[in-house]
C-alpha atoms as a PDB file:
ATOM      1  CA  MET A   1      -6.294   3.623  24.256  1.00  0.00           C
ATOM      2  CA  LYS A   2      -7.145   3.683  20.544  1.00  0.00           C
ATOM      3  CA  ILE A   3      -4.624   1.886  18.338  1.00  0.00           C
ATOM      4  CA  GLY A   4      -3.943   2.015  14.618  1.00  0.00           C
ATOM      5  CA  LEU A   5      -2.146  -1.134  13.427  1.00  0.00           C
ATOM      6  CA  LEU A   6      -0.361  -1.643  10.133  1.00  0.00           C
ATOM      7  CA  SER A   7       2.463  -3.576   8.544  1.00  0.00           C
ATOM      8  CA  ASP A   8       4.367  -3.997   5.310  1.00  0.00           C
ATOM      9  CA  THR A   9       4.144  -0.448   4.002  1.00  0.00           C
ATOM     10  CA  HIS A  10       7.225  -1.133   1.858  1.00  0.00           C
ATOM     11  CA  SER A  11       8.034   2.595   1.463  1.00  0.00           C
ATOM     12  CA  TYR A  12       4.461   3.618   0.572  1.00  0.00           C
ATOM     13  CA  LEU A  13       2.151   5.346   3.031  1.00  0.00           C
ATOM     14  CA  ASP A  14      -1.378   5.530   1.653  1.00  0.00           C
ATOM     15  CA  PRO A  15      -2.768   8.991   2.584  1.00  0.00           C
ATOM     16  CA  LYS A  16      -5.995   7.337   3.758  1.00  0.00           C
ATOM     17  CA  ILE A  17      -4.051   5.738   6.624  1.00  0.00           C
ATOM     18  CA  LEU A  18      -3.628   9.125   8.290  1.00  0.00           C
ATOM     19  CA  GLU A  19      -7.356   9.765   7.942  1.00  0.00           C
ATOM     20  CA  TYR A  20      -8.262   6.399   9.473  1.00  0.00           C
ATOM     21  CA  PHE A  21      -5.711   6.783  12.268  1.00  0.00           C
ATOM     22  CA  ASN A  22      -6.580  10.398  13.077  1.00  0.00           C
ATOM     23  CA  GLY A  23      -8.566   9.420  16.191  1.00  0.00           C
ATOM     24  CA  CYS A  24      -5.948   6.947  17.417  1.00  0.00           C
ATOM     25  CA  ASP A  25      -3.713   7.506  20.424  1.00  0.00           C
ATOM     26  CA  GLU A  26      -0.847   5.401  19.048  1.00  0.00           C
ATOM     27  CA  ILE A  27       0.204   3.699  15.823  1.00  0.00           C
ATOM     28  CA  TRP A  28       1.820   0.268  15.894  1.00  0.00           C
ATOM     29  CA  HIS A  29       3.813  -0.871  12.831  1.00  0.00           C
ATOM     30  CA  ALA A  30       4.741  -4.556  12.505  1.00  0.00           C
ATOM     31  CA  GLY A  31       7.733  -4.088  10.204  1.00  0.00           C
ATOM     32  CA  ASP A  32       8.815  -3.769   6.583  1.00  0.00           C
ATOM     33  CA  ILE A  33       8.466  -0.022   6.900  1.00  0.00           C
ATOM     34  CA  GLY A  34      10.766   0.675   3.977  1.00  0.00           C
ATOM     35  CA  ASP A  35      11.751   4.272   3.346  1.00  0.00           C
ATOM     36  CA  ARG A  36      12.433   6.334   6.474  1.00  0.00           C
ATOM     37  CA  THR A  37       9.995   9.007   5.310  1.00  0.00           C
ATOM     38  CA  VAL A  38       7.170   6.577   6.122  1.00  0.00           C
ATOM     39  CA  ALA A  39       8.418   6.268   9.710  1.00  0.00           C
ATOM     40  CA  ASP A  40       9.087  10.019   9.960  1.00  0.00           C
ATOM     41  CA  THR A  41       5.558  10.825   8.774  1.00  0.00           C
ATOM     42  CA  LEU A  42       3.953   8.393  11.197  1.00  0.00           C
ATOM     43  CA  GLU A  43       6.100   9.614  14.125  1.00  0.00           C
ATOM     44  CA  LYS A  44       5.170  13.236  13.448  1.00  0.00           C
ATOM     45  CA  PHE A  45       1.497  12.281  13.233  1.00  0.00           C
ATOM     46  CA  LYS A  46       1.084  10.095  16.362  1.00  0.00           C
ATOM     47  CA  PRO A  47       3.260   8.221  18.857  1.00  0.00           C
ATOM     48  CA  LEU A  48       4.688   5.252  16.956  1.00  0.00           C
ATOM     49  CA  ARG A  49       5.717   1.826  18.217  1.00  0.00           C
ATOM     50  CA  ALA A  50       7.475  -0.130  15.469  1.00  0.00           C
ATOM     51  CA  VAL A  51       9.765  -3.042  14.684  1.00  0.00           C
ATOM     52  CA  TYR A  52      11.973  -3.524  11.669  1.00  0.00           C
ATOM     53  CA  GLY A  53      11.240  -6.121   9.024  1.00  0.00           C
ATOM     54  CA  ASN A  54      13.303  -8.160   6.592  1.00  0.00           C
ATOM     55  CA  ILE A  55      13.293  -5.465   3.872  1.00  0.00           C
ATOM     56  CA  ASP A  56      14.321  -2.681   6.242  1.00  0.00           C
ATOM     57  CA  ASP A  57      17.890  -1.399   5.889  1.00  0.00           C
ATOM     58  CA  ARG A  58      20.548  -1.015   8.579  1.00  0.00           C
ATOM     59  CA  ALA A  59      19.294   2.483   9.464  1.00  0.00           C
ATOM     60  CA  MET A  60      15.811   1.106  10.223  1.00  0.00           C
ATOM     61  CA  GLN A  61      17.320  -1.817  12.124  1.00  0.00           C
ATOM     62  CA  THR A  62      19.181   0.686  14.287  1.00  0.00           C
ATOM     63  CA  ARG A  63      16.106   2.853  14.744  1.00  0.00           C
ATOM     64  CA  TYR A  64      13.675   0.057  15.685  1.00  0.00           C
ATOM     65  CA  PRO A  65      14.069  -3.321  17.429  1.00  0.00           C
ATOM     66  CA  GLU A  66      13.323  -6.765  16.022  1.00  0.00           C
ATOM     67  CA  ASP A  67      11.055  -7.490  18.996  1.00  0.00           C
ATOM     68  CA  LEU A  68       9.028  -4.962  20.929  1.00  0.00           C
ATOM     69  CA  TRP A  69       7.478  -5.960  24.275  1.00  0.00           C
ATOM     70  CA  PHE A  70       5.373  -3.475  26.193  1.00  0.00           C
ATOM     71  CA  THR A  71       2.210  -3.103  28.231  1.00  0.00           C
ATOM     72  CA  CYS A  72      -0.747  -1.108  26.951  1.00  0.00           C
ATOM     73  CA  GLU A  73      -3.342  -0.535  29.655  1.00  0.00           C
ATOM     74  CA  LEU A  74      -3.204  -3.987  31.342  1.00  0.00           C
ATOM     75  CA  VAL A  75      -2.399  -5.912  28.156  1.00  0.00           C
ATOM     76  CA  LYS A  76       1.042  -7.420  27.452  1.00  0.00           C
ATOM     77  CA  VAL A  77       1.920  -6.894  23.766  1.00  0.00           C
ATOM     78  CA  TRP A  78       4.647  -8.436  21.624  1.00  0.00           C
ATOM     79  CA  ILE A  79       5.299  -7.132  18.117  1.00  0.00           C
ATOM     80  CA  THR A  80       7.778  -8.746  15.726  1.00  0.00           C
ATOM     81  CA  HIS A  81       7.808  -8.871  11.939  1.00  0.00           C
ATOM     82  CA  ILE A  82       8.262 -12.548  11.058  1.00  0.00           C
ATOM     83  CA  GLY A  83       6.179 -14.724  13.331  1.00  0.00           C
ATOM     84  CA  GLY A  84       4.254 -17.314  11.391  1.00  0.00           C
ATOM     85  CA  ALA A  85       0.636 -17.917  12.372  1.00  0.00           C
ATOM     86  CA  PRO A  86      -1.159 -20.162  14.845  1.00  0.00           C
ATOM     87  CA  PRO A  87      -0.390 -22.991  15.253  1.00  0.00           C
ATOM     88  CA  ASN A  88       2.592 -22.765  12.871  1.00  0.00           C
ATOM     89  CA  TYR A  89       4.848 -20.144  14.423  1.00  0.00           C
ATOM     90  CA  ASN A  90       8.403 -19.947  13.179  1.00  0.00           C
ATOM     91  CA  PRO A  91      11.015 -21.688  15.375  1.00  0.00           C
ATOM     92  CA  ARG A  92      12.391 -18.473  16.927  1.00  0.00           C
ATOM     93  CA  VAL A  93       8.921 -17.257  17.912  1.00  0.00           C
ATOM     94  CA  LYS A  94       7.841 -20.692  19.169  1.00  0.00           C
ATOM     95  CA  LYS A  95      10.882 -20.841  21.450  1.00  0.00           C
ATOM     96  CA  ILE A  96      10.081 -17.408  22.912  1.00  0.00           C
ATOM     97  CA  LEU A  97       6.388 -18.249  23.339  1.00  0.00           C
ATOM     98  CA  LYS A  98       7.292 -21.343  25.338  1.00  0.00           C
ATOM     99  CA  ALA A  99       9.243 -19.139  27.761  1.00  0.00           C
ATOM    100  CA  LYS A 100       6.736 -16.279  27.968  1.00  0.00           C
ATOM    101  CA  SER A 101       3.604 -15.350  26.091  1.00  0.00           C
ATOM    102  CA  PRO A 102       1.892 -12.006  25.627  1.00  0.00           C
ATOM    103  CA  ASP A 103      -1.817 -11.223  25.684  1.00  0.00           C
ATOM    104  CA  ILE A 104      -1.542  -9.967  22.088  1.00  0.00           C
ATOM    105  CA  PHE A 105       0.998 -11.228  19.556  1.00  0.00           C
ATOM    106  CA  ILE A 106       1.345  -9.031  16.464  1.00  0.00           C
ATOM    107  CA  CYS A 107       3.341  -9.763  13.354  1.00  0.00           C
ATOM    108  CA  GLY A 108       3.366  -8.927   9.663  1.00  0.00           C
ATOM    109  CA  HIS A 109       5.450 -10.370   6.810  1.00  0.00           C
ATOM    110  CA  SER A 110       2.879 -12.738   5.273  1.00  0.00           C
ATOM    111  CA  HIS A 111       0.712  -9.928   3.811  1.00  0.00           C
ATOM    112  CA  ILE A 112      -2.234 -12.055   4.950  1.00  0.00           C
ATOM    113  CA  LEU A 113      -4.644 -10.366   7.342  1.00  0.00           C
ATOM    114  CA  ARG A 114      -5.528 -12.630  10.258  1.00  0.00           C
ATOM    115  CA  VAL A 115      -7.181 -12.308  13.640  1.00  0.00           C
ATOM    116  CA  LYS A 116      -7.221 -15.466  15.711  1.00  0.00           C
ATOM    117  CA  LYS A 117      -7.414 -16.492  19.340  1.00  0.00           C
ATOM    118  CA  ASP A 118      -4.608 -18.923  20.110  1.00  0.00           C
ATOM    119  CA  PRO A 119      -5.832 -21.237  22.898  1.00  0.00           C
ATOM    120  CA  VAL A 120      -2.431 -22.926  23.292  1.00  0.00           C
ATOM    121  CA  TYR A 121      -0.718 -19.692  24.384  1.00  0.00           C
ATOM    122  CA  ASN A 122      -3.913 -17.962  25.559  1.00  0.00           C
ATOM    123  CA  MET A 123      -3.305 -14.910  23.387  1.00  0.00           C
ATOM    124  CA  LEU A 124      -4.822 -12.944  20.550  1.00  0.00           C
ATOM    125  CA  TYR A 125      -2.900 -13.201  17.265  1.00  0.00           C
ATOM    126  CA  LEU A 126      -3.082 -10.174  14.950  1.00  0.00           C
ATOM    127  CA  ASN A 127      -1.600  -9.682  11.504  1.00  0.00           C
ATOM    128  CA  PRO A 128      -2.911  -6.524   9.820  1.00  0.00           C
ATOM    129  CA  GLY A 129      -1.982  -7.701   6.335  1.00  0.00           C
ATOM    130  CA  ALA A 130      -0.057  -5.321   4.085  1.00  0.00           C
ATOM    131  CA  ALA A 131      -0.686  -1.584   3.806  1.00  0.00           C
ATOM    132  CA  GLY A 132       1.781  -0.919   0.988  1.00  0.00           C
ATOM    133  CA  ASN A 133       1.798  -1.394  -2.748  1.00  0.00           C
ATOM    134  CA  HIS A 134       4.583  -3.987  -2.927  1.00  0.00           C
ATOM    135  CA  GLY A 135       3.732  -7.674  -2.647  1.00  0.00           C
ATOM    136  CA  PHE A 136       1.252 -10.276  -3.824  1.00  0.00           C
ATOM    137  CA  HIS A 137      -1.690  -9.116  -1.693  1.00  0.00           C
ATOM    138  CA  PRO A 138      -4.616  -7.847  -3.771  1.00  0.00           C
ATOM    139  CA  ILE A 139      -6.075  -5.442  -1.170  1.00  0.00           C
ATOM    140  CA  LYS A 140      -4.203  -3.054   1.172  1.00  0.00           C
ATOM    141  CA  THR A 141      -5.379  -3.500   4.760  1.00  0.00           C
ATOM    142  CA  ILE A 142      -4.925  -1.964   8.214  1.00  0.00           C
ATOM    143  CA  MET A 143      -6.651  -2.401  11.592  1.00  0.00           C
ATOM    144  CA  ARG A 144      -8.002  -0.213  14.359  1.00  0.00           C
ATOM    145  CA  PHE A 145      -8.989  -1.270  17.863  1.00  0.00           C
ATOM    146  CA  GLU A 146      -9.231  -0.134  21.446  1.00  0.00           C
ATOM    147  CA  VAL A 147      -7.442  -1.471  24.483  1.00  0.00           C
ATOM    148  CA  VAL A 148      -9.523  -0.955  27.612  1.00  0.00           C
ATOM    149  CA  GLU A 149      -7.831  -2.304  30.719  1.00  0.00           C
ATOM    150  CA  LYS A 150      -7.461  -6.018  29.831  1.00  0.00           C
ATOM    151  CA  ASP A 151      -9.893  -6.066  26.885  1.00  0.00           C
ATOM    152  CA  ILE A 152      -9.573  -5.546  23.143  1.00  0.00           C
ATOM    153  CA  LYS A 153     -12.675  -3.802  21.832  1.00  0.00           C
ATOM    154  CA  ASN A 154     -14.088  -2.461  18.574  1.00  0.00           C
ATOM    155  CA  LEU A 155     -11.577  -4.244  16.343  1.00  0.00           C
ATOM    156  CA  GLU A 156     -11.986  -3.025  12.765  1.00  0.00           C
ATOM    157  CA  VAL A 157     -10.432  -4.310   9.565  1.00  0.00           C
ATOM    158  CA  ILE A 158     -10.068  -1.488   7.062  1.00  0.00           C
ATOM    159  CA  GLU A 159      -9.571  -2.086   3.355  1.00  0.00           C
ATOM    160  CA  LEU A 160      -7.695   0.749   1.631  1.00  0.00           C
ATOM    161  CA  GLY A 161      -8.307  -0.468  -1.911  1.00  0.00           C
ATOM    162  CA  LYS A 162      -6.408  -2.503  -4.448  1.00  0.00           C
ATOM    163  CA  ARG A 163      -2.641  -2.779  -4.221  1.00  0.00           C
ATOM    164  CA  GLY A 164      -1.054  -0.232  -6.508  1.00  0.00           C
ATOM    165  CA  ALA A 165      -4.238   1.822  -6.734  1.00  0.00           C
ATOM    166  CA  ILE A 166      -3.667   5.415  -5.719  1.00  0.00           C
ATOM    167  CA  LYS A 167      -6.839   7.350  -5.067  1.00  0.00           C
ATOM    168  CA  PRO A 168      -6.902  11.137  -5.291  1.00  0.00           C
END
């Protein structure tokens, strides 16, 4: 299963994202989608799994959950928008992790791209950074990877260019 992962589009969908995600089977969005046209475009393009973020309005909060738990191949996945980062998860996330932990924990919000193995919860932490133009991040980023049975393979970090830069 080939996955395209992004977060924090903040109502802007860089056209290059569709090019990079063309070969993906699914797109996972870790919140702060923004305008519904971003979600509509992604849903028409590929199957979309998404959560709402703190900037998303009531319509987005109705459309998507705060937490999304599912299994991809043999991998348990949890996506939420505000999670913190290892070892400093926010209190809500820490409480949930103590009760049950996924194989992959994905969040956004910080606009800081991170990939880290968390030995405490025996999981892979992924934050794809921010794909939109709004925020303090200098470079727009997304990720691609494959889930093969219980393994994550061919993880790629993709830089889309400087925030605010729109390429023809």
